[in-house]
Amino acid sequence: MLGIRVSDRLRDAAEQMLSLLSTALRLNTLFVAVNDGRTNEIIRVVNRSEILTYEGALPFVESYCSHVCREASDAVIIADTETDPLTAGMNMTRTLGHCGFIGVPIVLQDGTKSGTVCGLDRETREFSETEVRLLQVAANFIGYVIDLERSSYVDDMTGAFTRPYLRKLFEEWAEARRRIALFYFDLDNFKYMNDTEGHEFGDQVLRSVARQVRDLIGDRGSLIRLGGDEFAVLWADCSSKGEAMGVANELLNVFSTPISVGGHELKVTASMGVSIYPDYSKSLRDLLNHADSAMYDVKRRGSDGAKFYGLESGSEAFGCR
């Protein structure tokens, strides 16, 4: 999931909290979920006598957690999911039938509601202030863990991921034998822009570019800030050079529309290099170096374009626009 890294540490924290809650709350099912506004993923679950839910992902809008994140400042309590207006018409309710539900949001330091700690039971029951507070304490603890993870893996200024995240993600995908495409790009003439317009102006440009690229790639890839105005998009399961070329063109098209900075419309272009693991690169270091080399070939030819590492200039080597 984008924005929240579901690490072993986060899963362990969720498991420990559920273990403690299960001794204090006599509910059939307790679970921890995280979401990015599109997908809701249950990362840990404890079921007692009846299995009411599983670990896994489903669309955010089809989850009970969506109501917790949208409606709740403290907790959402639903006595009967089949009769409550929030849940009566949901597919999940038609599948589960009658349940009682309680959920509290996981709120991060910046105020984002990034997940939930929830309970499900066949019995209708009231929840005491103490029980609600226990769920909130668990949610706060898991929120601290997510904030700690984000401080290591997310760039504060642009919201893109960082180099440590790139290394971790590459290792996971490589271990799973996935074909990985890396799209390495920087902004043309950014240093001149930064020097003439000022660093705050340059920071606004970087934030705007990062936002537009993230909006484009969605959950198909991960945007990483490598430093300064240098970024990379890591893309798993790239089936062919043709697919990589298509993605590169999509990314370059982000720059075809002027961006708004400080009330002014600004045309920004980028130079991009592309390489694929393991076809043309045997390690993350190779992948970065090869894509970087291809990017500088584009700059030498005039910038504003992309090149695939391992292909000479020609019909297959994108070329400048």
Protein backbone atom coordinates (compact mmCIF):
# COMPACT_ATOMS: atom_id res chain seq x y z
CA MET A 1 0.00 0.00 0.00
CA LEU A 2 1.13 3.50 -0.81
CA GLY A 3 1.88 5.97 2.08
CA ILE A 4 1.81 3.25 4.72
CA ARG A 5 4.44 0.58 4.71
CA VAL A 6 3.02 -2.63 6.24
CA SER A 7 6.30 -3.79 7.75
CA ASP A 8 7.03 -6.70 10.06
CA ARG A 9 7.35 -4.19 12.89
CA LEU A 10 3.88 -2.81 12.19
CA ARG A 11 2.36 -6.29 11.98
CA ASP A 12 4.08 -7.26 15.25
CA ALA A 13 2.75 -4.13 16.97
CA ALA A 14 -0.76 -4.92 15.76
CA GLU A 15 -0.48 -8.53 16.93
CA GLN A 16 0.69 -7.48 20.39
CA MET A 17 -2.13 -4.96 20.77
CA LEU A 18 -4.76 -7.50 19.70
CA SER A 19 -3.34 -10.05 22.12
CA LEU A 20 -3.77 -7.59 24.99
CA LEU A 21 -7.21 -6.47 23.86
CA SER A 22 -8.47 -10.03 23.50
CA THR A 23 -7.90 -10.60 27.23
CA ALA A 24 -9.84 -7.46 28.17
CA LEU A 25 -12.66 -7.40 25.60
CA ARG A 26 -14.92 -10.41 25.23
CA LEU A 27 -15.47 -9.95 21.52
CA ASN A 28 -15.43 -12.75 18.98
CA THR A 29 -13.25 -10.82 16.52
CA LEU A 30 -10.69 -8.05 16.85
CA PHE A 31 -8.63 -6.67 13.99
CA VAL A 32 -6.27 -3.90 12.89
CA ALA A 33 -6.59 -2.40 9.41
CA VAL A 34 -4.73 0.28 7.48
CA ASN A 35 -5.93 2.18 4.43
CA ASP A 36 -4.84 4.71 1.84
CA GLY A 37 -8.31 5.97 0.95
CA ARG A 38 -8.65 3.42 -1.85
CA THR A 39 -7.82 0.07 -0.26
CA ASN A 40 -8.47 -1.19 3.25
CA GLU A 41 -6.11 -3.92 4.42
CA ILE A 42 -6.65 -5.98 7.56
CA ILE A 43 -3.08 -6.68 8.68
CA ARG A 44 -3.82 -8.69 11.83
CA VAL A 45 -6.98 -10.38 13.11
CA VAL A 46 -7.98 -12.51 16.10
CA ASN A 47 -11.12 -14.69 15.84
CA ARG A 48 -12.48 -16.74 18.72
CA SER A 49 -15.33 -19.20 18.16
CA GLU A 50 -16.38 -18.00 14.69
CA ILE A 51 -14.30 -16.63 11.83
CA LEU A 52 -15.95 -13.32 10.95
CA THR A 53 -13.12 -11.78 8.95
CA TYR A 54 -9.68 -12.57 7.54
CA GLU A 55 -6.42 -10.77 6.90
CA GLY A 56 -6.39 -9.24 3.44
CA ALA A 57 -7.47 -6.25 1.37
CA LEU A 58 -10.73 -4.99 -0.11
CA PRO A 59 -11.90 -1.65 -1.54
CA PHE A 60 -12.00 0.98 1.18
CA VAL A 61 -15.58 2.03 0.43
CA GLU A 62 -16.77 -1.57 0.95
CA SER A 63 -15.31 -1.80 4.46
CA TYR A 64 -16.85 -0.91 7.81
CA CYS A 65 -13.56 0.89 8.49
CA SER A 66 -14.50 3.55 5.93
CA HIS A 67 -17.26 4.74 8.26
CA VAL A 68 -14.85 4.89 11.19
CA CYS A 69 -12.37 7.03 9.24
CA ARG A 70 -15.06 9.29 7.79
CA GLU A 71 -17.43 9.64 10.72
CA ALA A 72 -15.51 9.14 13.93
CA SER A 73 -13.49 11.50 16.06
CA ASP A 74 -13.37 8.84 18.79
CA ALA A 75 -15.41 5.69 17.97
CA VAL A 76 -18.17 4.25 15.81
CA ILE A 77 -20.44 1.76 17.56
CA ILE A 78 -23.08 -0.14 15.57
CA ALA A 79 -25.40 -2.40 17.54
CA ASP A 80 -26.78 -4.25 14.50
CA THR A 81 -25.08 -3.98 11.12
CA GLU A 82 -28.22 -5.26 9.35
CA THR A 83 -30.41 -2.39 10.58
CA ASP A 84 -28.00 0.52 11.00
CA PRO A 85 -28.21 2.97 8.04
CA LEU A 86 -24.40 3.10 7.77
CA THR A 87 -23.99 -0.60 7.11
CA ALA A 88 -27.36 -2.14 6.20
CA GLY A 89 -26.86 -1.91 2.43
CA MET A 90 -23.21 -2.98 2.31
CA ASN A 91 -22.01 -6.15 0.59
CA MET A 92 -20.10 -7.07 3.72
CA THR A 93 -23.31 -7.02 5.76
CA ARG A 94 -25.08 -9.24 3.23
CA THR A 95 -22.19 -11.69 3.55
CA LEU A 96 -21.80 -11.62 7.34
CA GLY A 97 -25.39 -11.11 8.42
CA HIS A 98 -26.18 -9.60 11.80
CA CYS A 99 -23.14 -8.36 13.78
CA GLY A 100 -22.31 -5.81 16.39
CA PHE A 101 -19.38 -3.57 15.45
CA ILE A 102 -17.05 -1.12 17.15
CA GLY A 103 -14.18 0.76 15.54
CA VAL A 104 -11.78 3.56 16.48
CA PRO A 105 -9.55 5.43 14.03
CA ILE A 106 -5.75 5.29 13.93
CA VAL A 107 -4.82 8.98 13.69
CA LEU A 108 -1.30 9.97 12.68
CA GLN A 109 0.69 12.97 13.87
CA ASP A 110 -0.41 15.04 10.87
CA GLY A 111 -4.09 14.29 11.57
CA THR A 112 -4.48 11.66 8.83
CA LYS A 113 -6.82 8.79 9.67
CA SER A 114 -4.78 5.93 8.27
CA GLY A 115 -6.48 2.87 9.74
CA THR A 116 -8.67 1.39 12.45
CA VAL A 117 -8.77 -0.93 15.43
CA CYS A 118 -12.11 -2.75 15.33
CA GLY A 119 -14.22 -5.45 16.93
CA LEU A 120 -17.03 -7.67 15.60
CA ASP A 121 -19.44 -9.92 17.49
CA ARG A 122 -22.71 -11.74 16.88
CA GLU A 123 -24.13 -10.35 20.13
CA THR A 124 -25.58 -6.87 20.50
CA ARG A 125 -23.94 -5.13 23.41
CA GLU A 126 -23.07 -1.76 24.88
CA PHE A 127 -19.47 -0.66 25.28
CA SER A 128 -18.23 1.08 28.39
CA GLU A 129 -16.00 4.16 28.31
CA THR A 130 -13.17 1.97 29.59
CA GLU A 131 -13.55 -0.48 26.70
CA VAL A 132 -13.61 2.31 24.14
CA ARG A 133 -10.54 3.81 25.79
CA LEU A 134 -8.67 0.50 25.53
CA LEU A 135 -9.28 0.44 21.78
CA GLN A 136 -8.13 4.05 21.52
CA VAL A 137 -4.91 3.32 23.42
CA ALA A 138 -4.20 0.46 21.00
CA ALA A 139 -4.93 2.72 18.02
CA ASN A 140 -2.63 5.43 19.42
CA PHE A 141 0.19 2.95 19.89
CA ILE A 142 -0.13 1.62 16.34
CA GLY A 143 -0.27 5.23 15.09
CA TYR A 144 3.06 5.92 16.81
CA VAL A 145 4.58 2.90 15.05
CA ILE A 146 3.28 4.10 11.65
CA ASP A 147 4.64 7.62 12.29
CA LEU A 148 8.03 6.11 13.17
CA GLU A 149 8.01 4.06 9.98
CA ARG A 150 7.04 7.09 7.92
CA SER A 151 9.85 9.20 9.39
CA SER A 152 12.31 6.67 7.92
CA TYR A 153 10.54 5.97 4.65
CA VAL A 154 8.76 9.18 3.60
CA ASP A 155 10.34 12.48 2.53
CA ASP A 156 8.75 15.25 4.61
CA MET A 157 8.95 17.92 1.93
CA THR A 158 7.49 16.10 -1.09
CA GLY A 159 5.67 13.13 0.44
CA ALA A 160 7.63 10.78 -1.83
CA PHE A 161 9.39 7.72 -0.42
CA THR A 162 13.09 7.79 0.53
CA ARG A 163 16.18 5.82 -0.47
CA PRO A 164 15.86 3.44 2.55
CA TYR A 165 12.35 2.58 1.35
CA LEU A 166 13.66 2.04 -2.19
CA ARG A 167 16.27 -0.43 -0.91
CA LYS A 168 13.75 -2.31 1.22
CA LEU A 169 11.13 -2.48 -1.52
CA PHE A 170 13.65 -3.58 -4.14
CA GLU A 171 14.92 -6.37 -1.86
CA GLU A 172 11.39 -7.65 -1.28
CA TRP A 173 10.48 -7.61 -4.97
CA ALA A 174 13.80 -9.12 -6.07
CA GLU A 175 13.44 -11.92 -3.50
CA ALA A 176 9.99 -12.64 -4.95
CA ARG A 177 11.61 -12.80 -8.43
CA ARG A 178 9.58 -9.92 -9.80
CA ARG A 179 10.74 -8.00 -12.88
CA ILE A 180 11.34 -4.42 -11.80
CA ALA A 181 11.48 -1.29 -13.92
CA LEU A 182 13.15 1.86 -12.61
CA PHE A 183 12.31 5.26 -14.13
CA TYR A 184 14.98 7.74 -13.01
CA PHE A 185 14.31 11.42 -13.77
CA ASP A 186 15.26 14.92 -12.80
CA LEU A 187 13.89 18.33 -13.73
CA ASP A 188 15.61 20.18 -16.56
CA ASN A 189 17.29 23.47 -15.55
CA PHE A 190 16.08 23.13 -11.95
CA LYS A 191 19.27 24.59 -10.46
CA TYR A 192 18.85 27.75 -12.53
CA MET A 193 15.21 28.00 -11.45
CA ASN A 194 16.18 27.49 -7.81
CA ASP A 195 18.95 30.10 -7.97
CA THR A 196 16.87 32.75 -9.73
CA GLU A 197 13.48 32.24 -8.06
CA GLY A 198 14.58 31.10 -4.62
CA HIS A 199 14.56 27.83 -2.70
CA GLU A 200 10.99 28.18 -1.45
CA PHE A 201 9.82 28.49 -5.04
CA GLY A 202 11.89 25.44 -5.97
CA ASP A 203 10.41 23.47 -3.08
CA GLN A 204 6.91 24.31 -4.30
CA VAL A 205 7.83 23.04 -7.76
CA LEU A 206 9.13 19.76 -6.32
CA ARG A 207 6.00 19.29 -4.21
CA SER A 208 3.77 19.95 -7.20
CA VAL A 209 5.70 17.55 -9.45
CA ALA A 210 5.68 14.83 -6.77
CA ARG A 211 1.93 15.22 -6.28
CA GLN A 212 1.21 14.97 -10.00
CA VAL A 213 3.39 11.87 -10.43
CA ARG A 214 1.79 10.15 -7.42
CA ASP A 215 -1.67 10.94 -8.78
CA LEU A 216 -0.67 9.39 -12.10
CA ILE A 217 0.88 6.17 -10.84
CA GLY A 218 -1.62 5.52 -8.02
CA ASP A 219 -0.93 2.09 -6.57
CA ARG A 220 0.83 0.88 -9.73
CA GLY A 221 4.27 2.03 -8.58
CA SER A 222 6.20 3.88 -5.87
CA LEU A 223 7.68 7.38 -6.20
CA ILE A 224 11.05 7.86 -4.51
CA ARG A 225 12.93 11.11 -3.97
CA LEU A 226 16.60 10.33 -4.46
CA GLY A 227 17.81 13.83 -3.55
CA GLY A 228 17.44 17.40 -4.77
CA ASP A 229 15.29 17.32 -7.89
CA GLU A 230 16.10 13.66 -8.66
CA PHE A 231 13.28 11.14 -8.41
CA ALA A 232 12.65 7.53 -9.34
CA VAL A 233 9.53 5.48 -9.92
CA LEU A 234 9.87 1.79 -9.03
CA TRP A 235 7.47 -0.42 -10.96
CA ALA A 236 6.95 -4.16 -10.36
CA ASP A 237 6.02 -6.89 -12.83
CA CYS A 238 6.98 -4.90 -15.90
CA SER A 239 6.25 -7.41 -18.64
CA SER A 240 8.28 -5.95 -21.50
CA LYS A 241 10.31 -3.08 -22.88
CA GLY A 242 7.14 -1.96 -24.61
CA GLU A 243 5.30 -1.67 -21.31
CA ALA A 244 8.23 0.25 -19.83
CA MET A 245 8.21 2.63 -22.78
CA GLY A 246 4.49 3.20 -22.32
CA VAL A 247 4.93 4.00 -18.63
CA ALA A 248 7.83 6.36 -19.42
CA ASN A 249 5.66 8.25 -21.89
CA GLU A 250 2.88 8.48 -19.30
CA LEU A 251 5.34 9.95 -16.81
CA LEU A 252 6.73 12.43 -19.33
CA ASN A 253 3.18 13.51 -20.20
CA VAL A 254 2.80 14.70 -16.60
CA PHE A 255 5.09 17.55 -17.63
CA SER A 256 3.10 18.47 -20.74
CA THR A 257 0.70 20.52 -18.61
CA PRO A 258 2.07 23.66 -16.90
CA ILE A 259 2.05 23.54 -13.11
CA SER A 260 0.74 26.32 -10.88
CA VAL A 261 3.31 27.72 -8.44
CA GLY A 262 2.68 30.85 -6.41
CA GLY A 263 -0.16 31.86 -8.68
CA HIS A 264 1.94 31.51 -11.83
CA GLU A 265 1.76 28.89 -14.57
CA LEU A 266 5.15 27.24 -15.10
CA LYS A 267 6.26 24.82 -17.82
CA VAL A 268 8.61 22.19 -16.38
CA THR A 269 10.32 19.43 -18.37
CA ALA A 270 12.21 16.34 -17.27
CA SER A 271 14.91 13.98 -18.52
CA MET A 272 14.45 10.28 -17.79
CA GLY A 273 16.44 7.07 -17.92
CA VAL A 274 14.89 3.59 -17.69
CA SER A 275 16.31 0.21 -16.80
CA ILE A 276 14.84 -3.19 -15.92
CA TYR A 277 15.92 -5.79 -13.36
CA PRO A 278 17.10 -8.47 -13.95
CA ASP A 279 17.17 -8.04 -17.74
CA TYR A 280 19.67 -5.18 -17.93
CA SER A 281 20.70 -4.77 -14.27
CA LYS A 282 21.66 -7.40 -11.71
CA SER A 283 21.39 -5.32 -8.51
CA LEU A 284 19.79 -2.15 -7.19
CA ARG A 285 23.12 -0.38 -7.63
CA ASP A 286 23.20 -1.42 -11.29
CA LEU A 287 19.57 -0.43 -11.75
CA LEU A 288 20.19 3.08 -10.41
CA ASN A 289 23.50 3.56 -12.23
CA HIS A 290 22.18 2.31 -15.56
CA ALA A 291 19.03 4.42 -15.42
CA ASP A 292 21.09 7.43 -14.33
CA SER A 293 23.48 6.90 -17.26
CA ALA A 294 20.57 6.72 -19.71
CA MET A 295 19.09 9.89 -18.21
CA TYR A 296 22.32 11.82 -18.79
CA ASP A 297 22.40 10.59 -22.37
CA VAL A 298 19.05 12.33 -22.78
CA LYS A 299 20.45 15.53 -21.29
CA ARG A 300 23.41 15.44 -23.66
CA ARG A 301 20.99 15.17 -26.59
CA GLY A 302 18.96 18.19 -25.47
CA SER A 303 16.84 17.10 -22.44
CA ASP A 304 13.04 16.72 -22.25
CA GLY A 305 12.82 13.02 -23.09
CA ALA A 306 13.71 9.50 -22.01
CA LYS A 307 16.00 6.65 -22.95
CA PHE A 308 15.97 2.92 -22.21
CA TYR A 309 19.32 1.65 -20.92
CA GLY A 310 20.85 -0.97 -23.18
CA LEU A 311 19.41 0.38 -26.41
CA GLU A 312 21.33 2.60 -28.78
CA SER A 313 19.79 5.73 -30.21
CA GLY A 314 17.02 4.84 -32.59
CA SER A 315 13.39 3.89 -32.77
CA GLU A 316 13.51 1.87 -29.54
CA ALA A 317 15.37 4.50 -27.50
CA PHE A 318 12.52 6.96 -26.89
CA GLY A 319 14.58 10.07 -27.79
CA CYS A 320 13.96 13.68 -26.87
CA ARG A 321 10.56 15.21 -27.44
